[in-house]
Amino acid sequence: MIPGLLGFLTGAVLYGLTYQQVFPKISAIANYGNVVLPDLWHINPYLAVLVFTIMALVLFYLIDRAGLQRKKK
């Protein structure tokens, strides 16, 4: 318990000390403005919806087949 707490505190201190130097560089790299995934990937928005729908359905199917759904009380 104590080592985990010390790790959290150490991470928080390091984050606070390096924020001013690190954040502007990361923000400059990752700043694409106001975009959505289809614009970012240069694809039709309906194709993006179809792809994510298929991915969700496959994921739900795999969860059902693996038996990972919530157990009844």
C-alpha atoms as a PDB file:
ATOM      1  CA  MET A   1       0.000   0.000   0.000  1.00  0.00           C
ATOM      2  CA  ILE A   2       2.718   2.457   0.991  1.00  0.00           C
ATOM      3  CA  PRO A   3       4.927   1.839  -2.098  1.00  0.00           C
ATOM      4  CA  GLY A   4       1.920   2.463  -4.369  1.00  0.00           C
ATOM      5  CA  LEU A   5       1.113   5.703  -2.597  1.00  0.00           C
ATOM      6  CA  LEU A   6       4.735   6.812  -2.838  1.00  0.00           C
ATOM      7  CA  GLY A   7       4.667   6.031  -6.553  1.00  0.00           C
ATOM      8  CA  PHE A   8       1.556   8.160  -7.053  1.00  0.00           C
ATOM      9  CA  LEU A   9       3.082  11.039  -5.122  1.00  0.00           C
ATOM     10  CA  THR A  10       6.393  10.769  -6.999  1.00  0.00           C
ATOM     11  CA  GLY A  11       4.560  10.784 -10.330  1.00  0.00           C
ATOM     12  CA  ALA A  12       2.490  13.796  -9.298  1.00  0.00           C
ATOM     13  CA  VAL A  13       5.588  15.735  -8.252  1.00  0.00           C
ATOM     14  CA  LEU A  14       7.452  14.882 -11.473  1.00  0.00           C
ATOM     15  CA  TYR A  15       4.405  15.846 -13.531  1.00  0.00           C
ATOM     16  CA  GLY A  16       4.125  19.165 -11.720  1.00  0.00           C
ATOM     17  CA  LEU A  17       7.812  19.959 -12.109  1.00  0.00           C
ATOM     18  CA  THR A  18       8.041  19.102 -15.813  1.00  0.00           C
ATOM     19  CA  TYR A  19       4.640  20.376 -16.989  1.00  0.00           C
ATOM     20  CA  GLN A  20       5.849  23.779 -18.216  1.00  0.00           C
ATOM     21  CA  GLN A  21       8.630  22.239 -20.335  1.00  0.00           C
ATOM     22  CA  VAL A  22       6.847  19.149 -21.668  1.00  0.00           C
ATOM     23  CA  PHE A  23       3.232  20.187 -22.286  1.00  0.00           C
ATOM     24  CA  PRO A  24       3.856  22.850 -24.993  1.00  0.00           C
ATOM     25  CA  LYS A  25       5.930  20.399 -27.053  1.00  0.00           C
ATOM     26  CA  ILE A  26       3.335  17.634 -26.810  1.00  0.00           C
ATOM     27  CA  SER A  27       0.509  20.084 -27.482  1.00  0.00           C
ATOM     28  CA  ALA A  28       2.232  21.378 -30.639  1.00  0.00           C
ATOM     29  CA  ILE A  29       2.586  17.837 -31.998  1.00  0.00           C
ATOM     30  CA  ALA A  30      -0.953  16.711 -31.188  1.00  0.00           C
ATOM     31  CA  ASN A  31      -2.839  19.905 -32.075  1.00  0.00           C
ATOM     32  CA  TYR A  32      -4.984  19.110 -35.115  1.00  0.00           C
ATOM     33  CA  GLY A  33      -7.687  21.612 -34.264  1.00  0.00           C
ATOM     34  CA  ASN A  34     -11.370  20.772 -34.489  1.00  0.00           C
ATOM     35  CA  VAL A  35     -11.404  17.585 -36.587  1.00  0.00           C
ATOM     36  CA  VAL A  36     -13.287  14.296 -36.596  1.00  0.00           C
ATOM     37  CA  LEU A  37     -11.837  10.869 -37.422  1.00  0.00           C
ATOM     38  CA  PRO A  38     -13.259  10.608 -40.962  1.00  0.00           C
ATOM     39  CA  ASP A  39     -11.679  13.964 -41.864  1.00  0.00           C
ATOM     40  CA  LEU A  40      -8.421  12.971 -40.231  1.00  0.00           C
ATOM     41  CA  TRP A  41      -8.327   9.654 -42.096  1.00  0.00           C
ATOM     42  CA  HIS A  42      -9.748  11.112 -45.359  1.00  0.00           C
ATOM     43  CA  ILE A  43     -12.627   8.636 -45.575  1.00  0.00           C
ATOM     44  CA  ASN A  44     -16.395   8.883 -45.997  1.00  0.00           C
ATOM     45  CA  PRO A  45     -18.155   9.491 -42.631  1.00  0.00           C
ATOM     46  CA  TYR A  46     -20.637   6.688 -43.315  1.00  0.00           C
ATOM     47  CA  LEU A  47     -17.764   4.278 -43.902  1.00  0.00           C
ATOM     48  CA  ALA A  48     -16.305   5.244 -40.519  1.00  0.00           C
ATOM     49  CA  VAL A  49     -19.683   4.601 -38.850  1.00  0.00           C
ATOM     50  CA  LEU A  50     -19.927   1.236 -40.608  1.00  0.00           C
ATOM     51  CA  VAL A  51     -16.409   0.213 -39.574  1.00  0.00           C
ATOM     52  CA  PHE A  52     -16.966   1.121 -35.914  1.00  0.00           C
ATOM     53  CA  THR A  53     -20.355  -0.608 -35.909  1.00  0.00           C
ATOM     54  CA  ILE A  54     -18.813  -3.804 -37.271  1.00  0.00           C
ATOM     55  CA  MET A  55     -15.990  -3.574 -34.735  1.00  0.00           C
ATOM     56  CA  ALA A  56     -18.499  -3.205 -31.883  1.00  0.00           C
ATOM     57  CA  LEU A  57     -20.596  -6.133 -33.101  1.00  0.00           C
ATOM     58  CA  VAL A  58     -17.526  -8.360 -33.439  1.00  0.00           C
ATOM     59  CA  LEU A  59     -16.409  -7.347 -29.955  1.00  0.00           C
ATOM     60  CA  PHE A  60     -19.841  -8.127 -28.486  1.00  0.00           C
ATOM     61  CA  TYR A  61     -19.844 -11.489 -30.272  1.00  0.00           C
ATOM     62  CA  LEU A  62     -16.388 -12.367 -28.928  1.00  0.00           C
ATOM     63  CA  ILE A  63     -17.372 -11.366 -25.388  1.00  0.00           C
ATOM     64  CA  ASP A  64     -20.467 -13.556 -25.639  1.00  0.00           C
ATOM     65  CA  ARG A  65     -18.517 -16.518 -27.016  1.00  0.00           C
ATOM     66  CA  ALA A  66     -15.811 -16.206 -24.341  1.00  0.00           C
ATOM     67  CA  GLY A  67     -18.413 -16.090 -21.565  1.00  0.00           C
ATOM     68  CA  LEU A  68     -17.130 -12.807 -20.155  1.00  0.00           C
ATOM     69  CA  GLN A  69     -20.552 -11.227 -19.633  1.00  0.00           C
ATOM     70  CA  ARG A  70     -21.729 -10.288 -16.147  1.00  0.00           C
ATOM     71  CA  LYS A  71     -22.895 -13.224 -14.052  1.00  0.00           C
ATOM     72  CA  LYS A  72     -26.450 -13.227 -12.685  1.00  0.00           C
ATOM     73  CA  LYS A  73     -26.786 -12.914  -8.910  1.00  0.00           C
END
